[in-house]
Amino acid sequence: MKCRTFILLINMLLLSLCGCKKQKEEISIHQFSSSRIKELNEYLRAIKQAYSIPGLSVGIVHKDSVYNSTLGIADNEHHLIDSLLPFSAGSISEPVMATAILKLVDSGLIKLDDPVQKYLPYFKMADKINKKVTIRHLLSHTSGIQHYPVLWDTPNNSDAALELTTRSISSQQPKFPIPGSRVVRSPYNYDILADLVSKVSGKPFEQYMDQQVFKKLGMKSSSFARPVLSVQPFSINNWLSYTSKTDSLYPYNRENGGSNGLHTSASDLSKWMEMLLNRGLTAQGRYVSKVTFDDFFSFKYMTSKTAGITLGWELMTDGNHELFVKKSDITNFQNQVMLIPEEGIGITFLSNISAQQISSEIVRNMMNWLNGGKLPKIKTPVGLALGQKFQETGNIDSVINLYQSLKRTRNFHYDLSLNALNFFGNTLFRHVGDQESALKIYNLCITEYPRSAEAYLSLANFYIKSRSYSNARLSLEKSRPFLNKFQQERVLDMEQYIKEKTIDTDPG
């Protein structure tokens, strides 16, 4: 009897231990508190209004809490964006494609250090180093394959499109002779990976992605094929009033499917980020083994002390944490996704206009807020007021007077910073084509911010683009007392460019 009782106790203990182990493999997802959601919603509404963004979508994962929101319109008919309507995600395709490779590795179908030729015998380059190029090299942009211009106006959507992309580099010289020795980012790497996924799985890669990634992670709106309904891109049709309309050029070509074909929503990306932050675990169960996951994300190729590349991601360090980042700005979609695994943070920002580069600032502000900071008060870029004034008067001096008046009276409604003023100068120069007025704005930047290197660097860049190299040199020289280490690198690049170009006639 005592023996039977002892055995029962042992069995109960074992069952208890198994239950504990199962408990550790479960995750639960909660909503942010109502007050936190209110803060985020107000911040995003202010962003949308200040920067004239037609539509945007945001997803945030913070430990066990998830937030998703959509704002604005999807097209000229003013259809509202909802949580199921996908955006063209551009280069965010790459880390999602890397998830498919992670799944194939976990299934034992491939190994990261297998040569690509093992699966794609027609994968070749001009100097025959192709035999040494591995799957890991493609994932990390260290293959030596050169960049190509992405073309959307002559799309190839045939069944053979991906194989044609792989075969198209057969006469291309690699950028460097030893794969794995340098980083050169090229969309070809991920287009070829899409071809590899198709050949290994025996299915069109879009079908494999749907079955083995999207369905298993509950990503209902995601696809690598162009959906029937999607958010449309907007482009500025008047740079002074900052009005926009839908763009006729849409970014989809099956030949570039692996590097740029992803269509997805912020809510779907939140589910994907949950899996990554939980190291392969989802609310439905384990997606890939922890061993495979950890091995996959242990690879790092550092390009500097604070930056590098992993398999699918750009890697940045801020002194305390590693940040996994992917940005995309292609045909008027501006997107970014960022993970901070040590903090359990994942943030996605998607928008259908890219006129102002704001995604990094927005993501950084939300990251600081998640870590206990405050969301900043959003101000309207002063360029909107200046542009309207210039459109009304056609007189750049009246525009300068308006800026100085706003700054003198400390008008808190507008962003009067150097960056905002510089952006207006860039608008006049690059989009309006008024060089004389743009030059006055760049000089105003120096008058208002005489100890800012950025003011002199913007003026130098204007002179370089105008091929006035002697004036550019003078501006660079004036910037020197105020340079930080990052700006010093920019100055060296600009000086090298001037050196290469001064064989031409210098109108300056």
Protein backbone atom coordinates (compact mmCIF):
# COMPACT_ATOMS: atom_id res chain seq x y z
CA MET A 1 0.00 0.00 0.00
CA LYS A 2 2.81 2.37 0.94
CA CYS A 3 4.54 1.50 -2.33
CA ARG A 4 1.41 2.29 -4.37
CA THR A 5 0.97 5.58 -2.50
CA PHE A 6 4.60 6.49 -3.18
CA ILE A 7 4.20 5.72 -6.91
CA LEU A 8 1.03 7.85 -7.06
CA LEU A 9 2.86 10.73 -5.41
CA ILE A 10 5.73 10.42 -7.90
CA ASN A 11 3.30 10.40 -10.84
CA MET A 12 1.51 13.46 -9.47
CA LEU A 13 4.84 15.25 -9.08
CA LEU A 14 5.82 14.40 -12.67
CA LEU A 15 2.47 15.60 -13.98
CA SER A 16 2.89 18.80 -11.98
CA LEU A 17 6.36 19.37 -13.45
CA CYS A 18 5.07 18.72 -16.98
CA GLY A 19 2.26 21.18 -16.33
CA CYS A 20 4.78 23.78 -15.20
CA LYS A 21 6.84 23.22 -18.31
CA LYS A 22 3.75 23.63 -20.49
CA GLN A 23 2.84 26.79 -18.59
CA LYS A 24 6.20 28.33 -19.52
CA GLU A 25 5.55 27.60 -23.21
CA GLU A 26 2.29 29.59 -23.19
CA ILE A 27 1.96 33.30 -23.86
CA SER A 28 -1.02 35.54 -23.26
CA ILE A 29 -1.71 38.82 -25.02
CA HIS A 30 -3.50 41.77 -23.42
CA GLN A 31 -4.68 45.17 -24.58
CA PHE A 32 -3.03 48.37 -23.42
CA SER A 33 -4.94 50.25 -20.72
CA SER A 34 -7.60 52.71 -21.91
CA SER A 35 -5.50 55.68 -20.78
CA ARG A 36 -2.47 54.43 -22.74
CA ILE A 37 -4.61 53.84 -25.83
CA LYS A 38 -6.00 57.38 -25.54
CA GLU A 39 -2.46 58.83 -25.40
CA LEU A 40 -1.38 56.91 -28.49
CA ASN A 41 -4.52 57.76 -30.46
CA GLU A 42 -4.12 61.48 -29.75
CA TYR A 43 -0.45 61.36 -30.74
CA LEU A 44 -1.18 59.58 -34.03
CA ARG A 45 -4.03 61.95 -34.91
CA ALA A 46 -1.68 64.89 -34.34
CA ILE A 47 1.00 63.25 -36.54
CA LYS A 48 -1.50 62.63 -39.33
CA GLN A 49 -2.76 66.22 -39.28
CA ALA A 50 0.61 67.95 -38.91
CA TYR A 51 2.27 66.05 -41.76
CA SER A 52 -0.78 65.77 -44.05
CA ILE A 53 -0.61 61.97 -44.13
CA PRO A 54 -3.58 60.47 -46.02
CA GLY A 55 -3.48 57.18 -44.12
CA LEU A 56 -1.38 55.36 -41.55
CA SER A 57 -1.38 52.23 -39.43
CA VAL A 58 0.57 51.43 -36.27
CA GLY A 59 1.19 48.23 -34.34
CA ILE A 60 2.93 48.01 -30.96
CA VAL A 61 3.89 44.97 -28.91
CA HIS A 62 5.22 45.64 -25.40
CA LYS A 63 5.80 42.52 -23.33
CA ASP A 64 2.30 41.01 -23.04
CA SER A 65 0.37 44.04 -24.36
CA VAL A 66 -0.59 44.79 -27.97
CA TYR A 67 -1.93 47.95 -29.60
CA ASN A 68 -3.10 48.35 -33.20
CA SER A 69 -4.62 51.42 -34.84
CA THR A 70 -5.47 52.72 -38.31
CA LEU A 71 -6.27 56.29 -39.36
CA GLY A 72 -7.19 57.99 -42.59
CA ILE A 73 -8.02 57.10 -46.15
CA ALA A 74 -6.85 54.42 -48.56
CA ASP A 75 -7.60 56.12 -51.89
CA ASN A 76 -8.97 59.17 -53.68
CA GLU A 77 -12.52 57.91 -53.05
CA HIS A 78 -11.83 58.39 -49.32
CA HIS A 79 -12.43 54.78 -48.35
CA LEU A 80 -11.27 54.44 -44.76
CA ILE A 81 -8.34 52.20 -43.88
CA ASP A 82 -9.30 49.34 -41.57
CA SER A 83 -7.23 46.75 -39.73
CA LEU A 84 -7.58 44.21 -42.57
CA LEU A 85 -6.64 46.43 -45.52
CA PRO A 86 -2.97 45.78 -46.45
CA PHE A 87 -0.21 48.25 -47.29
CA SER A 88 2.64 47.60 -49.69
CA ALA A 89 5.41 46.96 -47.15
CA GLY A 90 8.45 47.36 -49.42
CA SER A 91 11.72 46.24 -47.83
CA ILE A 92 9.96 44.90 -44.74
CA SER A 93 9.57 41.94 -47.10
CA GLU A 94 13.14 40.95 -46.21
CA PRO A 95 12.81 40.06 -42.51
CA VAL A 96 9.47 38.37 -43.28
CA MET A 97 11.17 36.35 -46.05
CA ALA A 98 13.88 35.48 -43.51
CA THR A 99 11.09 33.97 -41.37
CA ALA A 100 10.36 31.53 -44.21
CA ILE A 101 14.02 30.54 -44.32
CA LEU A 102 13.94 30.10 -40.52
CA LYS A 103 10.97 27.73 -40.97
CA LEU A 104 12.76 25.71 -43.69
CA VAL A 105 15.84 25.40 -41.47
CA ASP A 106 13.70 24.26 -38.54
CA SER A 107 12.02 21.68 -40.79
CA GLY A 108 15.43 20.28 -41.76
CA LEU A 109 14.96 21.07 -45.46
CA ILE A 110 17.95 23.43 -45.73
CA LYS A 111 21.00 24.61 -43.78
CA LEU A 112 22.15 28.21 -43.64
CA ASP A 113 25.66 27.37 -44.79
CA ASP A 114 24.55 25.25 -47.74
CA PRO A 115 25.66 26.72 -51.07
CA VAL A 116 22.80 28.30 -53.02
CA GLN A 117 23.77 26.16 -56.03
CA LYS A 118 22.75 23.03 -54.12
CA TYR A 119 19.12 24.12 -54.58
CA LEU A 120 19.41 26.42 -57.62
CA PRO A 121 21.95 24.83 -60.03
CA TYR A 122 21.47 27.75 -62.44
CA PHE A 123 22.63 30.29 -59.81
CA LYS A 124 25.82 31.68 -61.38
CA MET A 125 27.97 34.80 -61.58
CA ALA A 126 30.68 35.89 -63.97
CA ASP A 127 33.81 34.93 -62.02
CA LYS A 128 32.48 31.59 -60.71
CA ILE A 129 32.50 32.49 -57.02
CA ASN A 130 28.86 31.42 -57.11
CA LYS A 131 29.83 28.00 -55.74
CA LYS A 132 30.92 29.69 -52.51
CA VAL A 133 27.78 31.79 -52.01
CA THR A 134 25.59 30.34 -49.25
CA ILE A 135 22.06 30.95 -48.04
CA ARG A 136 23.52 32.86 -45.09
CA HIS A 137 25.34 35.18 -47.50
CA LEU A 138 22.08 36.03 -49.27
CA LEU A 139 20.27 36.64 -45.99
CA SER A 140 22.99 38.99 -44.72
CA HIS A 141 23.69 40.86 -48.00
CA THR A 142 27.27 39.57 -47.94
CA SER A 143 27.06 37.61 -51.22
CA GLY A 144 28.73 40.29 -53.36
CA ILE A 145 25.75 40.46 -55.70
CA GLN A 146 25.40 44.01 -56.97
CA HIS A 147 22.43 46.33 -56.60
CA TYR A 148 19.87 46.83 -59.35
CA PRO A 149 17.28 49.55 -60.02
CA VAL A 150 13.80 48.35 -59.11
CA LEU A 151 11.41 48.88 -62.05
CA TRP A 152 7.65 48.80 -61.63
CA ASP A 153 6.52 49.95 -65.06
CA THR A 154 7.43 46.70 -66.86
CA PRO A 155 6.37 44.01 -64.38
CA ASN A 156 6.79 40.30 -65.02
CA ASN A 157 4.22 38.29 -63.11
CA SER A 158 4.72 34.96 -64.88
CA ASP A 159 5.40 31.62 -63.16
CA ALA A 160 9.02 31.84 -64.32
CA ALA A 161 9.62 35.39 -62.99
CA LEU A 162 11.72 34.40 -59.96
CA GLU A 163 13.91 31.95 -61.86
CA LEU A 164 14.47 34.60 -64.53
CA THR A 165 15.67 36.97 -61.80
CA THR A 166 18.16 34.38 -60.52
CA ARG A 167 19.42 33.63 -64.03
CA SER A 168 19.73 37.35 -64.86
CA ILE A 169 22.92 37.79 -62.80
CA SER A 170 24.91 35.09 -64.68
CA SER A 171 27.11 37.70 -66.40
CA GLN A 172 27.34 40.04 -63.39
CA GLN A 173 30.72 40.60 -61.75
CA PRO A 174 30.48 40.29 -57.95
CA LYS A 175 31.17 43.43 -55.95
CA PHE A 176 33.95 41.69 -53.98
CA PRO A 177 35.74 38.34 -54.45
CA ILE A 178 35.14 36.65 -51.07
CA PRO A 179 31.52 36.07 -50.02
CA GLY A 180 30.94 36.99 -46.39
CA SER A 181 33.73 39.57 -46.26
CA ARG A 182 31.66 42.72 -46.85
CA VAL A 183 28.10 44.02 -46.85
CA VAL A 184 26.61 45.30 -50.11
CA ARG A 185 22.83 45.57 -49.98
CA SER A 186 21.07 44.29 -53.08
CA PRO A 187 17.40 43.32 -53.59
CA TYR A 188 18.68 40.38 -55.71
CA ASN A 189 19.62 38.54 -52.50
CA TYR A 190 16.01 38.24 -51.36
CA ASP A 191 14.56 37.78 -54.83
CA ILE A 192 16.86 34.76 -55.21
CA LEU A 193 15.84 33.53 -51.75
CA ALA A 194 12.21 33.60 -52.90
CA ASP A 195 13.22 31.43 -55.86
CA LEU A 196 15.02 29.09 -53.46
CA VAL A 197 11.94 28.79 -51.21
CA SER A 198 9.87 27.87 -54.23
CA LYS A 199 12.29 25.19 -55.47
CA VAL A 200 12.84 23.63 -52.03
CA SER A 201 9.14 23.56 -51.11
CA GLY A 202 7.94 22.58 -54.58
CA LYS A 203 5.34 25.36 -54.45
CA PRO A 204 5.11 28.94 -55.67
CA PHE A 205 6.84 30.93 -52.95
CA GLU A 206 3.70 33.04 -52.40
CA GLN A 207 1.81 29.82 -51.58
CA TYR A 208 4.53 28.61 -49.21
CA MET A 209 4.53 31.97 -47.42
CA ASP A 210 0.76 31.83 -47.08
CA GLN A 211 0.68 28.28 -45.73
CA GLN A 212 3.82 28.16 -43.57
CA VAL A 213 4.12 31.74 -42.34
CA PHE A 214 0.92 33.76 -42.58
CA LYS A 215 -1.67 31.09 -41.75
CA LYS A 216 0.42 29.61 -38.94
CA LEU A 217 0.89 33.06 -37.38
CA GLY A 218 -2.72 34.18 -37.91
CA MET A 219 -1.73 36.93 -40.36
CA LYS A 220 -5.03 37.16 -42.26
CA SER A 221 -4.28 40.22 -44.42
CA SER A 222 -0.75 39.32 -45.55
CA SER A 223 0.40 38.11 -48.94
CA PHE A 224 3.39 38.21 -51.27
CA ALA A 225 0.99 38.44 -54.21
CA ARG A 226 -0.67 41.76 -54.97
CA PRO A 227 -4.13 41.73 -53.36
CA VAL A 228 -7.29 42.85 -55.13
CA LEU A 229 -7.87 45.56 -52.54
CA SER A 230 -5.03 47.44 -50.86
CA VAL A 231 -4.06 50.87 -49.57
CA GLN A 232 -3.03 53.12 -52.45
CA PRO A 233 0.11 55.33 -52.43
CA PHE A 234 -0.24 59.12 -52.48
CA SER A 235 2.18 61.64 -53.98
CA ILE A 236 2.37 65.41 -53.52
CA ASN A 237 0.80 67.28 -56.45
CA ASN A 238 1.49 70.77 -55.03
CA TRP A 239 4.59 71.11 -52.88
CA LEU A 240 3.69 74.61 -51.66
CA SER A 241 0.17 73.81 -50.44
CA TYR A 242 1.21 70.23 -49.68
CA THR A 243 -1.84 68.63 -51.26
CA SER A 244 -1.65 65.06 -52.55
CA LYS A 245 -3.39 62.53 -54.78
CA THR A 246 -3.07 58.81 -55.40
CA ASP A 247 -0.04 57.77 -57.42
CA SER A 248 -0.58 55.89 -60.68
CA LEU A 249 2.65 53.88 -60.21
CA TYR A 250 2.11 50.94 -57.88
CA PRO A 251 5.09 48.99 -56.49
CA TYR A 252 4.55 45.36 -57.47
CA ASN A 253 6.57 43.13 -59.78
CA ARG A 254 6.85 39.39 -59.14
CA GLU A 255 10.51 39.46 -60.24
CA ASN A 256 11.16 41.56 -57.12
CA GLY A 257 8.74 39.59 -54.96
CA GLY A 258 11.18 38.40 -52.31
CA SER A 259 12.68 41.84 -51.67
CA ASN A 260 9.62 44.07 -52.07
CA GLY A 261 6.45 42.04 -52.67
CA LEU A 262 4.99 41.88 -49.16
CA HIS A 263 1.52 43.32 -48.57
CA THR A 264 0.48 43.39 -44.93
CA SER A 265 -1.22 45.31 -42.13
CA ALA A 266 0.15 46.61 -38.85
CA SER A 267 -2.08 44.21 -36.92
CA ASP A 268 -0.62 41.27 -38.88
CA LEU A 269 2.92 42.50 -38.28
CA SER A 270 2.12 42.68 -34.56
CA LYS A 271 1.41 38.92 -34.58
CA TRP A 272 4.69 38.31 -36.38
CA MET A 273 6.55 40.55 -33.90
CA GLU A 274 4.97 38.65 -30.98
CA MET A 275 6.47 35.42 -32.30
CA LEU A 276 9.90 37.00 -32.72
CA LEU A 277 9.89 38.66 -29.29
CA ASN A 278 8.82 35.35 -27.72
CA ARG A 279 11.68 33.53 -29.52
CA GLY A 280 9.56 31.33 -31.75
CA LEU A 281 6.55 30.94 -29.48
CA THR A 282 3.01 32.06 -30.33
CA ALA A 283 -0.31 32.04 -28.51
CA GLN A 284 -1.21 28.95 -30.59
CA GLY A 285 2.00 27.08 -29.76
CA ARG A 286 5.63 26.93 -30.81
CA TYR A 287 6.28 28.09 -34.39
CA VAL A 288 9.93 27.00 -34.54
CA SER A 289 12.20 25.36 -32.00
CA LYS A 290 13.99 27.65 -29.58
CA VAL A 291 17.37 26.17 -30.57
CA THR A 292 16.81 26.95 -34.25
CA PHE A 293 15.49 30.41 -33.43
CA ASP A 294 18.41 31.35 -31.20
CA ASP A 295 20.96 30.04 -33.69
CA PHE A 296 19.31 31.97 -36.53
CA PHE A 297 19.38 35.29 -34.65
CA SER A 298 22.86 34.87 -33.20
CA PHE A 299 24.48 35.88 -36.51
CA LYS A 300 25.77 39.47 -36.60
CA TYR A 301 28.00 41.20 -39.15
CA MET A 302 29.14 44.54 -37.70
CA THR A 303 29.86 47.30 -40.23
CA SER A 304 30.85 49.78 -37.50
CA LYS A 305 31.02 49.93 -33.70
CA THR A 306 27.33 50.71 -33.43
CA ALA A 307 25.77 49.26 -36.59
CA GLY A 308 25.65 46.03 -38.53
CA ILE A 309 23.40 43.53 -40.19
CA THR A 310 21.74 40.28 -39.16
CA LEU A 311 19.65 37.80 -41.15
CA GLY A 312 16.97 40.08 -42.58
CA TRP A 313 17.52 43.10 -40.34
CA GLU A 314 19.66 46.17 -39.88
CA LEU A 315 21.28 46.05 -36.44
CA MET A 316 21.86 49.16 -34.33
CA THR A 317 23.14 49.54 -30.78
CA ASP A 318 22.33 52.47 -28.51
CA GLY A 319 24.84 51.61 -25.79
CA ASN A 320 22.38 49.56 -23.79
CA HIS A 321 20.30 47.56 -26.24
CA GLU A 322 20.38 46.00 -29.68
CA LEU A 323 17.74 47.37 -32.06
CA PHE A 324 16.59 45.33 -35.06
CA VAL A 325 15.32 47.78 -37.68
CA LYS A 326 13.96 47.66 -41.21
CA LYS A 327 12.91 50.80 -43.09
CA SER A 328 11.30 51.19 -46.47
CA ASP A 329 10.57 54.26 -48.57
CA ILE A 330 9.48 53.15 -52.00
CA THR A 331 6.97 54.70 -54.43
CA ASN A 332 5.30 56.77 -51.76
CA PHE A 333 4.88 54.16 -49.05
CA GLN A 334 6.90 54.98 -45.91
CA ASN A 335 7.23 52.04 -43.52
CA GLN A 336 9.35 50.98 -40.58
CA VAL A 337 9.49 48.09 -38.15
CA MET A 338 11.72 47.92 -35.07
CA LEU A 339 12.35 45.27 -32.42
CA ILE A 340 14.14 45.63 -29.09
CA PRO A 341 14.16 42.02 -27.84
CA GLU A 342 15.70 42.83 -24.44
CA GLU A 343 12.81 45.20 -23.70
CA GLY A 344 10.09 43.07 -25.28
CA ILE A 345 9.28 45.95 -27.65
CA GLY A 346 8.12 45.76 -31.26
CA ILE A 347 6.83 48.78 -33.23
CA THR A 348 5.44 48.99 -36.76
CA PHE A 349 4.61 52.19 -38.65
CA LEU A 350 2.99 52.07 -42.12
CA SER A 351 1.88 55.07 -44.19
CA ASN A 352 0.84 55.77 -47.78
CA ILE A 353 2.93 58.90 -48.41
CA SER A 354 6.68 59.44 -48.10
CA ALA A 355 7.20 63.14 -48.78
CA GLN A 356 8.65 63.81 -45.33
CA GLN A 357 10.98 61.29 -43.69
CA ILE A 358 9.30 60.98 -40.31
CA SER A 359 9.01 57.23 -39.63
CA SER A 360 12.23 56.99 -37.61
CA GLU A 361 11.25 59.92 -35.38
CA ILE A 362 7.76 58.53 -34.78
CA VAL A 363 9.04 55.05 -33.95
CA ARG A 364 11.73 56.51 -31.66
CA ASN A 365 9.14 58.64 -29.81
CA MET A 366 6.90 55.62 -29.25
CA MET A 367 9.88 53.57 -28.05
CA ASN A 368 10.77 56.28 -25.50
CA TRP A 369 7.14 56.41 -24.38
CA LEU A 370 7.08 52.64 -23.82
CA ASN A 371 10.19 53.04 -21.67
CA GLY A 372 8.54 55.63 -19.43
CA GLY A 373 9.00 58.87 -21.36
CA LYS A 374 6.32 61.23 -22.66
CA LEU A 375 5.00 61.48 -26.19
CA PRO A 376 6.02 64.89 -27.56
CA LYS A 377 3.58 67.61 -28.52
CA ILE A 378 3.35 67.57 -32.32
CA LYS A 379 3.81 70.88 -34.14
CA THR A 380 2.99 71.70 -37.75
CA PRO A 381 6.17 71.95 -39.89
CA VAL A 382 6.73 75.63 -40.59
CA GLY A 383 7.25 74.84 -44.28
CA LEU A 384 3.48 74.45 -44.68
CA ALA A 385 2.89 78.06 -43.59
CA LEU A 386 5.87 79.32 -45.59
CA GLY A 387 4.74 77.45 -48.70
CA GLN A 388 1.25 78.94 -48.52
CA LYS A 389 2.76 82.41 -48.10
CA PHE A 390 5.05 81.90 -51.10
CA GLN A 391 2.13 80.65 -53.18
CA GLU A 392 0.10 83.73 -52.27
CA THR A 393 2.82 86.35 -52.79
CA GLY A 394 5.46 84.78 -55.03
CA ASN A 395 7.94 86.79 -52.94
CA ILE A 396 10.60 84.93 -50.95
CA ASP A 397 11.36 88.00 -48.80
CA SER A 398 7.79 87.99 -47.48
CA VAL A 399 8.29 84.31 -46.62
CA ILE A 400 11.47 85.10 -44.69
CA ASN A 401 9.68 87.92 -42.83
CA LEU A 402 6.91 85.48 -41.87
CA TYR A 403 9.40 82.96 -40.48
CA GLN A 404 11.23 85.60 -38.46
CA SER A 405 7.93 86.94 -37.13
CA LEU A 406 6.78 83.45 -36.05
CA LYS A 407 10.10 82.83 -34.35
CA ARG A 408 10.17 86.25 -32.68
CA THR A 409 6.66 85.80 -31.24
CA ARG A 410 7.46 82.19 -30.25
CA ASN A 411 4.50 80.72 -32.06
CA PHE A 412 4.24 77.26 -30.47
CA HIS A 413 1.85 75.95 -33.12
CA TYR A 414 4.67 75.55 -35.66
CA ASP A 415 7.87 73.57 -35.71
CA LEU A 416 10.39 76.38 -36.29
CA SER A 417 13.46 74.15 -36.01
CA LEU A 418 16.41 74.13 -38.38
CA ASN A 419 15.25 70.79 -39.81
CA ALA A 420 11.80 72.20 -40.62
CA LEU A 421 13.31 75.30 -42.27
CA ASN A 422 15.83 73.21 -44.17
CA PHE A 423 13.05 71.00 -45.47
CA PHE A 424 11.33 74.04 -46.95
CA GLY A 425 14.60 75.03 -48.65
CA ASN A 426 14.86 71.50 -50.08
CA THR A 427 11.26 71.75 -51.29
CA LEU A 428 11.98 74.96 -53.19
CA PHE A 429 15.18 73.54 -54.66
CA ARG A 430 14.20 69.97 -55.55
CA HIS A 431 10.47 70.15 -56.19
CA VAL A 432 9.57 73.76 -57.05
CA GLY A 433 12.79 74.32 -59.01
CA ASP A 434 13.39 77.82 -57.66
CA GLN A 435 17.13 77.85 -56.93
CA GLU A 436 17.35 81.55 -56.13
CA SER A 437 14.64 81.35 -53.46
CA ALA A 438 16.04 78.11 -52.08
CA LEU A 439 19.47 79.73 -51.68
CA LYS A 440 17.90 82.52 -49.62
CA ILE A 441 16.29 79.96 -47.33
CA TYR A 442 19.57 78.06 -46.87
CA ASN A 443 21.29 81.33 -45.98
CA LEU A 444 18.42 82.12 -43.59
CA CYS A 445 19.17 78.78 -41.88
CA ILE A 446 22.74 79.96 -41.25
CA THR A 447 21.54 83.38 -40.02
CA GLU A 448 19.09 81.81 -37.57
CA TYR A 449 21.34 78.90 -36.55
CA PRO A 450 24.92 80.19 -36.97
CA ARG A 451 26.47 77.51 -34.75
CA SER A 452 24.81 74.54 -36.42
CA ALA A 453 26.93 72.40 -38.73
CA GLU A 454 23.76 71.13 -40.40
CA ALA A 455 22.96 74.62 -41.74
CA TYR A 456 26.35 74.85 -43.48
CA LEU A 457 26.15 71.24 -44.74
CA SER A 458 22.75 71.87 -46.34
CA LEU A 459 24.14 74.94 -48.08
CA ALA A 460 27.18 72.92 -49.21
CA ASN A 461 24.89 70.23 -50.59
CA PHE A 462 22.95 72.88 -52.51
CA TYR A 463 26.17 74.15 -54.07
CA ILE A 464 27.31 70.63 -54.95
CA LYS A 465 24.00 69.90 -56.69
CA SER A 466 24.38 73.24 -58.49
CA ARG A 467 27.97 72.27 -59.45
CA SER A 468 29.33 75.35 -57.67
CA TYR A 469 32.17 73.45 -56.04
CA SER A 470 34.27 76.35 -54.75
CA ASN A 471 31.27 77.69 -52.81
CA ALA A 472 30.60 74.18 -51.53
CA ARG A 473 34.18 73.94 -50.22
CA LEU A 474 33.76 77.29 -48.44
CA SER A 475 30.55 76.12 -46.74
CA LEU A 476 32.20 72.87 -45.65
CA GLU A 477 35.10 74.80 -44.19
CA LYS A 478 32.72 77.00 -42.17
CA SER A 479 30.98 73.89 -40.78
CA ARG A 480 34.17 72.45 -39.21
CA PRO A 481 34.01 74.09 -35.75
CA PHE A 482 30.54 72.61 -35.17
CA LEU A 483 30.81 69.07 -36.59
CA ASN A 484 30.02 65.93 -34.62
CA LYS A 485 31.62 62.61 -35.58
CA PHE A 486 28.78 61.58 -37.89
CA GLN A 487 28.84 64.92 -39.69
CA GLN A 488 32.63 64.60 -40.07
CA GLU A 489 32.06 61.44 -42.10
CA ARG A 490 29.54 63.27 -44.29
CA VAL A 491 32.05 66.08 -44.89
CA LEU A 492 34.69 63.57 -45.98
CA ASP A 493 32.23 62.00 -48.44
CA MET A 494 31.25 65.41 -49.82
CA GLU A 495 34.88 66.48 -50.17
CA GLN A 496 35.70 63.25 -51.99
CA TYR A 497 32.78 63.82 -54.35
CA ILE A 498 33.95 67.40 -55.05
CA LYS A 499 37.46 66.14 -55.70
CA GLU A 500 36.17 63.67 -58.28
CA LYS A 501 34.02 66.30 -59.99
CA THR A 502 36.38 69.27 -60.11
CA ILE A 503 37.78 68.14 -63.42
CA ASP A 504 34.55 69.66 -64.75
CA THR A 505 34.10 73.38 -65.24
CA ASP A 506 33.24 75.01 -61.93
CA PRO A 507 30.63 77.73 -62.44
CA GLY A 508 31.12 78.79 -58.81
